[in-house]
Amino acid sequence: MKIQLIEGPVSHYGTQTAVSVVSVKQLASTFKADIYNPDEGRIGTVAGYQRSPKANRIKALVERLKEDFVVATAILVNVRNPKEKLTFDSKGRCEVDLPLELWGKDGMHRAKAWIELYEHAEEHGLDQEVVGDTKVNIVLYWGAEIVEEVNTFFDVNNNAKSIPTGNRLEMEAYLTRHAPQHTGDPLLAEIDDIVHDLGKTSQWEDKIQWPNQPANVCPSSALMRSCLEIFSEPSSVAGLLKKEKFTLLTTVWEAIEVVFPETFNTTDKKKYSLQKGIGVTVVHRLIPRIYLDILLKNNKIFKPEDKINPENVDVWVEYFQKMRKHEDKNMNGEDVDGLNFWLSGKDGGAGAYSSGAGRNTISKIFASLVVGS
């Protein structure tokens, strides 16, 4: 059985490489993974070197592949100890017999997912012949030694960087809106729109750090994650419509500007941390608590004209005004009041609560101060 190869670059070890396409049936008959087994020795010996595949990752990919999901990225393999070097024609092509073994260097979960689908096609409600004929892109190293296999695996997996949170959230929101094949999060897509609109308000204009932009007061990802937290079930504000969520947020930040005008009037927009991650966390976590308090109060009011309007800035000012009463220590051990607590750096006190546990602590402190326990 022959496969067609297209000439690739020679590796820094002097190994020939090529690109090709094989069928899932061919992949199933040849693919090998050199999993590390410490009981058999050290890495680089017969003990193998690769990490064990994760069953949950394979299972999740199998479910997606069953729905005609296409993974066009190539699986990286090595043909160990070939009998001869590759000889390409003037157009960089050659034809070879399908190797007996293709040793996986990267893409093991993809390969094993395809093999699972092929070998158990009937259990997955698929036709084995159809699955077997599916094409898979591969990149071959032709005769790499074990040290190069390990080196390549290490470089590909250890030096690869995950997608920055801001970029990932933006792409996730985009795919949710526009890619029917993508299983997305409608709330995330909604929040993405809201945060972009929030960036046009006077309180947030030129203060949000969008993906790939230089550092600014608050990363868009921090705002999005905070909004996702407060607008998810079972929050008191989870059921609001998209427009109502945006109105609520603008009302809240207009109220914060009334209560803490110093943080918005300064020419140094990074002087205070009220609009940084820690401040956004505290303010936004107060929203469901205050909103619920308003609803409970309204339940006790019988006349419609006396109902508290949660879109009234003054209503939120009355709550947030209590934040100025907070007293704490800054990172130098000095006393700070409600405003100076939000100074950035060691002069303020908020920085001491920047960890996850710290944010939980300071959020509870302000919730007790503003709404009561």
Protein backbone atom coordinates (compact mmCIF):
# COMPACT_ATOMS: atom_id res chain seq x y z
CA MET A 1 0.00 0.00 0.00
CA LYS A 2 1.54 3.26 -1.16
CA ILE A 3 1.31 6.78 0.27
CA GLN A 4 2.32 10.06 -1.36
CA LEU A 5 4.82 12.37 0.37
CA ILE A 6 5.63 16.04 -0.15
CA GLU A 7 9.15 17.09 0.80
CA GLY A 8 9.54 19.13 3.97
CA PRO A 9 12.56 20.78 5.62
CA VAL A 10 15.45 18.83 7.07
CA SER A 11 15.40 19.04 10.87
CA HIS A 12 18.23 20.55 12.90
CA TYR A 13 19.23 16.93 13.63
CA GLY A 14 19.61 16.32 9.89
CA THR A 15 16.42 14.25 9.63
CA GLN A 16 14.28 14.35 6.50
CA THR A 17 10.66 15.38 6.98
CA ALA A 18 7.61 15.18 4.75
CA VAL A 19 3.88 15.82 4.78
CA SER A 20 1.25 13.32 3.73
CA VAL A 21 -2.32 12.13 4.11
CA VAL A 22 -3.36 8.71 5.40
CA SER A 23 -6.74 7.18 6.00
CA VAL A 24 -8.02 6.48 9.51
CA LYS A 25 -7.79 2.77 8.63
CA GLN A 26 -4.12 3.19 7.75
CA LEU A 27 -3.53 5.21 10.90
CA ALA A 28 -5.18 2.53 13.04
CA SER A 29 -2.92 -0.16 11.59
CA THR A 30 0.35 1.74 12.06
CA PHE A 31 0.10 4.26 14.91
CA LYS A 32 2.23 3.61 18.00
CA ALA A 33 2.74 5.69 21.14
CA ASP A 34 5.89 5.29 23.22
CA ILE A 35 4.36 5.81 26.67
CA TYR A 36 6.82 6.18 29.53
CA ASN A 37 6.87 3.29 31.98
CA PRO A 38 9.24 3.98 34.91
CA ASP A 39 9.17 0.31 35.88
CA GLU A 40 11.11 -0.46 32.71
CA GLY A 41 13.87 2.11 33.18
CA ARG A 42 14.72 5.72 32.48
CA ILE A 43 13.40 7.92 29.66
CA GLY A 44 15.41 7.35 26.48
CA THR A 45 15.56 3.59 26.95
CA VAL A 46 12.95 0.91 26.22
CA ALA A 47 10.88 2.62 28.95
CA GLY A 48 9.46 5.16 26.47
CA TYR A 49 9.05 8.89 27.08
CA GLN A 50 5.54 10.17 26.37
CA ARG A 51 2.89 11.12 28.91
CA SER A 52 -0.09 8.81 29.32
CA PRO A 53 -3.10 9.84 27.24
CA LYS A 54 -6.11 11.23 29.10
CA ALA A 55 -9.20 9.08 28.61
CA ASN A 56 -11.54 12.05 29.13
CA ARG A 57 -9.81 14.05 26.37
CA ILE A 58 -10.09 11.12 23.96
CA LYS A 59 -13.74 10.58 24.86
CA ALA A 60 -14.57 14.28 24.40
CA LEU A 61 -12.87 14.36 20.99
CA VAL A 62 -14.61 11.15 19.93
CA GLU A 63 -17.96 12.77 20.64
CA ARG A 64 -17.04 15.77 18.49
CA LEU A 65 -15.66 13.65 15.64
CA LYS A 66 -18.92 11.68 15.61
CA GLU A 67 -20.69 14.93 14.73
CA ASP A 68 -18.52 15.42 11.61
CA PHE A 69 -16.05 17.67 13.42
CA VAL A 70 -12.88 17.97 11.31
CA VAL A 71 -9.43 18.30 12.88
CA ALA A 72 -7.27 19.41 9.96
CA THR A 73 -4.10 19.96 12.01
CA ALA A 74 -1.51 17.30 11.29
CA ILE A 75 -0.52 14.44 13.57
CA LEU A 76 3.27 14.40 14.00
CA VAL A 77 4.89 10.97 13.63
CA ASN A 78 8.29 9.38 13.18
CA VAL A 79 9.27 6.44 10.99
CA ARG A 80 11.96 4.69 12.99
CA ASN A 81 14.87 2.96 11.27
CA PRO A 82 13.71 3.24 7.64
CA LYS A 83 15.62 1.05 5.18
CA GLU A 84 16.60 3.96 2.96
CA LYS A 85 16.44 7.72 2.63
CA LEU A 86 13.60 9.44 0.82
CA THR A 87 14.22 10.41 -2.80
CA PHE A 88 12.03 13.26 -4.08
CA ASP A 89 11.46 14.23 -7.69
CA SER A 90 11.99 17.74 -9.08
CA LYS A 91 8.61 18.81 -7.67
CA GLY A 92 9.44 17.53 -4.18
CA ARG A 93 7.23 14.43 -4.36
CA CYS A 94 7.78 10.75 -3.77
CA GLU A 95 5.80 7.59 -3.22
CA VAL A 96 6.64 5.02 -0.54
CA ASP A 97 5.11 1.94 1.00
CA LEU A 98 3.01 2.67 4.04
CA PRO A 99 5.41 2.20 6.99
CA LEU A 100 4.62 -0.65 9.36
CA GLU A 101 4.83 1.71 12.34
CA LEU A 102 4.18 5.43 12.73
CA TRP A 103 5.45 6.51 16.16
CA GLY A 104 3.44 9.43 17.47
CA LYS A 105 5.36 12.55 18.48
CA ASP A 106 2.41 14.93 18.84
CA GLY A 107 -1.32 14.52 18.38
CA MET A 108 -1.69 11.28 20.30
CA HIS A 109 -5.16 12.16 21.61
CA ARG A 110 -6.36 12.94 18.08
CA ALA A 111 -4.93 9.70 16.74
CA LYS A 112 -6.40 7.60 19.51
CA ALA A 113 -9.79 9.26 19.13
CA TRP A 114 -9.87 8.34 15.44
CA ILE A 115 -8.71 4.81 16.19
CA GLU A 116 -11.42 4.43 18.85
CA LEU A 117 -14.06 5.56 16.36
CA TYR A 118 -12.75 3.17 13.71
CA GLU A 119 -12.32 0.10 15.90
CA HIS A 120 -15.67 0.58 17.65
CA ALA A 121 -17.59 2.27 14.84
CA GLU A 122 -20.75 0.22 15.32
CA GLU A 123 -20.89 1.04 19.04
CA HIS A 124 -20.75 4.73 18.11
CA GLY A 125 -23.48 4.35 15.53
CA LEU A 126 -21.12 4.78 12.57
CA ASP A 127 -20.13 2.80 9.51
CA GLN A 128 -16.60 1.43 9.96
CA GLU A 129 -15.79 1.66 6.26
CA VAL A 130 -16.80 5.31 6.15
CA VAL A 131 -14.73 6.10 9.24
CA GLY A 132 -11.79 4.13 7.87
CA ASP A 133 -11.77 6.11 4.62
CA THR A 134 -11.62 9.47 6.43
CA LYS A 135 -8.45 11.39 5.61
CA VAL A 136 -5.98 12.52 8.27
CA ASN A 137 -3.08 14.92 7.72
CA ILE A 138 0.30 13.79 9.02
CA VAL A 139 3.84 15.17 9.21
CA LEU A 140 6.54 12.50 9.14
CA TYR A 141 10.06 12.56 10.49
CA TRP A 142 11.93 9.97 8.43
CA GLY A 143 14.37 8.16 10.67
CA ALA A 144 14.67 10.41 13.72
CA GLU A 145 16.61 8.93 16.63
CA ILE A 146 14.89 8.57 20.00
CA VAL A 147 16.66 11.67 21.36
CA GLU A 148 15.14 13.76 18.53
CA GLU A 149 11.71 12.25 19.16
CA VAL A 150 11.93 13.28 22.81
CA ASN A 151 13.34 16.70 21.87
CA THR A 152 10.51 17.36 19.41
CA PHE A 153 7.83 16.21 21.83
CA PHE A 154 9.35 18.41 24.56
CA ASP A 155 9.60 21.49 22.32
CA VAL A 156 6.09 21.16 20.90
CA ASN A 157 4.40 20.58 24.25
CA ASN A 158 6.59 22.40 26.76
CA ASN A 159 7.19 25.58 24.78
CA ALA A 160 3.66 25.89 23.46
CA LYS A 161 1.71 28.67 25.15
CA SER A 162 -1.97 28.53 25.88
CA ILE A 163 -4.17 31.21 24.33
CA PRO A 164 -4.18 34.34 26.56
CA THR A 165 -7.44 34.61 28.48
CA GLY A 166 -8.56 37.79 26.75
CA ASN A 167 -8.03 36.37 23.26
CA ARG A 168 -9.63 33.07 24.25
CA LEU A 169 -12.78 34.72 25.61
CA GLU A 170 -13.12 36.96 22.56
CA MET A 171 -12.76 33.98 20.21
CA GLU A 172 -15.13 31.87 22.28
CA ALA A 173 -17.75 34.62 22.10
CA TYR A 174 -17.25 35.05 18.35
CA LEU A 175 -17.55 31.31 17.68
CA THR A 176 -20.65 31.10 19.86
CA ARG A 177 -22.30 33.78 17.72
CA HIS A 178 -21.12 32.65 14.29
CA ALA A 179 -20.08 28.96 14.25
CA PRO A 180 -23.02 26.52 14.40
CA GLN A 181 -20.53 23.66 14.82
CA HIS A 182 -19.12 25.22 17.98
CA THR A 183 -20.67 24.34 21.31
CA GLY A 184 -20.45 27.75 22.95
CA ASP A 185 -21.80 29.75 25.85
CA PRO A 186 -24.61 32.18 24.94
CA LEU A 187 -24.08 34.11 28.18
CA LEU A 188 -20.40 34.62 27.33
CA ALA A 189 -21.32 35.99 23.90
CA GLU A 190 -23.83 38.32 25.56
CA ILE A 191 -21.29 39.50 28.15
CA ASP A 192 -18.72 40.11 25.41
CA ASP A 193 -21.12 42.55 23.74
CA ILE A 194 -21.93 44.20 27.07
CA VAL A 195 -18.28 44.73 28.00
CA HIS A 196 -17.55 46.26 24.59
CA ASP A 197 -20.49 48.63 25.08
CA LEU A 198 -19.32 49.36 28.61
CA GLY A 199 -15.98 50.44 27.16
CA LYS A 200 -17.80 53.29 25.39
CA THR A 201 -19.18 54.79 28.62
CA SER A 202 -17.49 57.75 30.25
CA GLN A 203 -16.57 55.67 33.31
CA TRP A 204 -14.71 53.02 31.28
CA GLU A 205 -13.55 54.82 28.16
CA ASP A 206 -9.80 54.29 27.57
CA LYS A 207 -9.50 52.14 30.71
CA ILE A 208 -10.07 48.63 29.35
CA GLN A 209 -7.12 46.59 28.10
CA TRP A 210 -8.34 44.69 25.06
CA PRO A 211 -6.48 41.60 23.78
CA ASN A 212 -3.06 42.34 22.24
CA GLN A 213 -3.07 45.91 23.58
CA PRO A 214 -0.57 47.38 26.06
CA ALA A 215 -1.39 47.17 29.78
CA ASN A 216 -4.26 49.36 30.90
CA VAL A 217 -6.35 49.80 34.05
CA CYS A 218 -8.41 46.63 33.68
CA PRO A 219 -8.08 43.70 31.23
CA SER A 220 -11.27 42.97 29.32
CA SER A 221 -10.99 39.37 30.52
CA ALA A 222 -11.29 40.50 34.16
CA LEU A 223 -14.48 42.40 33.37
CA MET A 224 -15.92 39.51 31.38
CA ARG A 225 -15.18 36.90 34.03
CA SER A 226 -16.61 39.13 36.73
CA CYS A 227 -19.78 39.70 34.71
CA LEU A 228 -20.08 35.99 33.98
CA GLU A 229 -19.91 35.33 37.71
CA ILE A 230 -22.65 37.76 38.73
CA PHE A 231 -25.03 37.09 35.85
CA SER A 232 -24.93 33.29 36.14
CA GLU A 233 -27.55 31.30 38.02
CA PRO A 234 -28.61 31.42 40.80
CA SER A 235 -27.80 35.13 41.03
CA SER A 236 -30.68 37.57 41.56
CA VAL A 237 -29.69 39.35 38.33
CA ALA A 238 -29.23 36.24 36.18
CA GLY A 239 -32.67 36.52 34.58
CA LEU A 240 -32.24 40.05 33.29
CA LEU A 241 -32.32 40.67 29.57
CA LYS A 242 -29.11 41.72 27.81
CA LYS A 243 -30.20 45.36 27.63
CA GLU A 244 -31.18 45.30 31.32
CA LYS A 245 -27.79 43.85 32.28
CA PHE A 246 -26.01 46.66 30.46
CA THR A 247 -28.27 49.31 32.01
CA LEU A 248 -27.65 47.86 35.45
CA LEU A 249 -23.87 47.93 34.99
CA THR A 250 -23.85 51.49 33.71
CA THR A 251 -26.06 52.56 36.62
CA VAL A 252 -23.69 50.89 39.09
CA TRP A 253 -20.56 52.52 37.70
CA GLU A 254 -22.24 55.92 37.48
CA ALA A 255 -23.05 55.51 41.17
CA ILE A 256 -19.45 54.48 41.96
CA GLU A 257 -18.27 57.65 40.21
CA VAL A 258 -20.61 59.74 42.41
CA VAL A 259 -19.34 58.04 45.59
CA PHE A 260 -15.65 58.01 44.60
CA PRO A 261 -15.24 60.99 42.24
CA GLU A 262 -11.54 61.20 43.09
CA THR A 263 -10.85 57.93 41.29
CA PHE A 264 -12.41 59.23 38.07
CA ASN A 265 -11.19 62.84 38.15
CA THR A 266 -7.47 62.13 38.52
CA THR A 267 -5.25 62.43 35.46
CA ASP A 268 -3.45 59.26 36.57
CA LYS A 269 -6.05 56.64 35.66
CA LYS A 270 -4.01 53.91 37.39
CA LYS A 271 -3.75 55.77 40.70
CA TYR A 272 -6.64 53.83 42.23
CA SER A 273 -7.45 50.14 42.00
CA LEU A 274 -11.24 50.55 42.13
CA GLN A 275 -11.44 49.82 38.41
CA LYS A 276 -8.72 47.19 38.43
CA GLY A 277 -9.40 43.49 38.88
CA ILE A 278 -9.75 43.63 42.67
CA GLY A 279 -12.09 46.64 42.60
CA VAL A 280 -14.23 45.21 39.81
CA THR A 281 -14.53 41.96 41.76
CA VAL A 282 -15.75 43.74 44.90
CA VAL A 283 -18.15 46.12 43.13
CA HIS A 284 -19.65 43.48 40.86
CA ARG A 285 -20.10 40.94 43.65
CA LEU A 286 -22.10 43.56 45.52
CA ILE A 287 -24.54 43.94 42.62
CA PRO A 288 -26.58 40.72 43.16
CA ARG A 289 -26.63 41.32 46.92
CA ILE A 290 -27.88 44.90 46.55
CA TYR A 291 -30.32 43.97 43.79
CA LEU A 292 -31.81 41.23 45.96
CA ASP A 293 -32.06 43.66 48.86
CA ILE A 294 -34.00 46.05 46.60
CA LEU A 295 -36.35 43.25 45.53
CA LEU A 296 -36.98 42.23 49.13
CA LYS A 297 -37.73 45.81 50.11
CA ASN A 298 -40.07 46.20 47.14
CA ASN A 299 -41.99 43.09 48.26
CA LYS A 300 -42.95 45.00 51.40
CA ILE A 301 -44.08 48.10 49.51
CA PHE A 302 -47.67 48.04 48.30
CA LYS A 303 -47.97 51.28 46.35
CA PRO A 304 -46.38 51.01 42.88
CA GLU A 305 -45.28 54.64 43.02
CA ASP A 306 -43.24 53.90 46.16
CA LYS A 307 -41.31 50.98 44.65
CA ILE A 308 -37.53 51.36 44.55
CA ASN A 309 -36.25 51.64 40.98
CA PRO A 310 -33.06 49.55 40.55
CA GLU A 311 -32.14 51.67 37.52
CA ASN A 312 -31.97 54.81 39.64
CA VAL A 313 -28.37 55.89 40.20
CA ASP A 314 -29.24 57.54 43.51
CA VAL A 315 -30.48 54.21 44.87
CA TRP A 316 -27.08 52.64 44.29
CA VAL A 317 -25.27 55.72 45.58
CA GLU A 318 -27.04 55.25 48.90
CA TYR A 319 -25.68 51.72 49.14
CA PHE A 320 -22.16 52.41 47.85
CA GLN A 321 -21.76 55.46 50.08
CA LYS A 322 -21.17 53.01 52.93
CA MET A 323 -17.99 51.83 51.19
CA ARG A 324 -16.30 55.09 52.21
CA LYS A 325 -16.69 54.04 55.83
CA HIS A 326 -14.38 51.07 55.40
CA GLU A 327 -11.18 51.26 57.47
CA ASP A 328 -8.16 49.06 56.93
CA LYS A 329 -4.36 48.93 56.86
CA ASN A 330 -2.27 49.51 53.78
CA MET A 331 0.64 47.28 52.84
CA ASN A 332 2.95 49.50 54.91
CA GLY A 333 0.84 48.84 58.02
CA GLU A 334 -0.64 52.36 58.00
CA ASP A 335 -4.32 53.17 58.53
CA VAL A 336 -6.30 53.91 55.38
CA ASP A 337 -9.87 55.15 55.00
CA GLY A 338 -12.52 54.19 52.46
CA LEU A 339 -10.97 56.19 49.62
CA ASN A 340 -7.29 55.60 50.31
CA PHE A 341 -7.97 51.90 50.70
CA TRP A 342 -8.33 51.89 46.91
CA LEU A 343 -4.97 53.54 46.21
CA SER A 344 -2.81 51.35 43.97
CA GLY A 345 0.34 49.78 45.32
CA LYS A 346 1.56 49.77 48.90
CA ASP A 347 -0.13 53.06 49.76
CA GLY A 348 -3.53 51.38 49.47
CA GLY A 349 -5.00 48.38 51.22
CA ALA A 350 -6.74 46.59 48.35
CA GLY A 351 -3.52 45.05 47.08
CA ALA A 352 -3.33 42.84 50.15
CA TYR A 353 -6.50 41.10 48.97
CA SER A 354 -5.44 40.41 45.36
CA SER A 355 -5.34 36.62 45.67
CA GLY A 356 -8.41 34.48 45.11
CA ALA A 357 -8.87 33.91 48.83
CA GLY A 358 -8.20 37.58 49.50
CA ARG A 359 -10.87 38.68 47.04
CA ASN A 360 -13.37 36.39 48.74
CA THR A 361 -12.47 37.91 52.09
CA ILE A 362 -12.70 41.56 51.06
CA SER A 363 -15.91 40.89 49.10
CA LYS A 364 -17.53 39.50 52.25
CA ILE A 365 -16.30 42.47 54.27
CA PHE A 366 -17.86 44.98 51.87
CA ALA A 367 -21.04 42.96 51.49
CA SER A 368 -21.49 43.03 55.26
CA LEU A 369 -20.75 46.77 55.35
CA VAL A 370 -23.02 47.72 52.43
CA VAL A 371 -25.91 45.29 52.68
CA GLY A 372 -25.44 43.60 56.03
CA SER A 373 -24.83 39.92 56.71
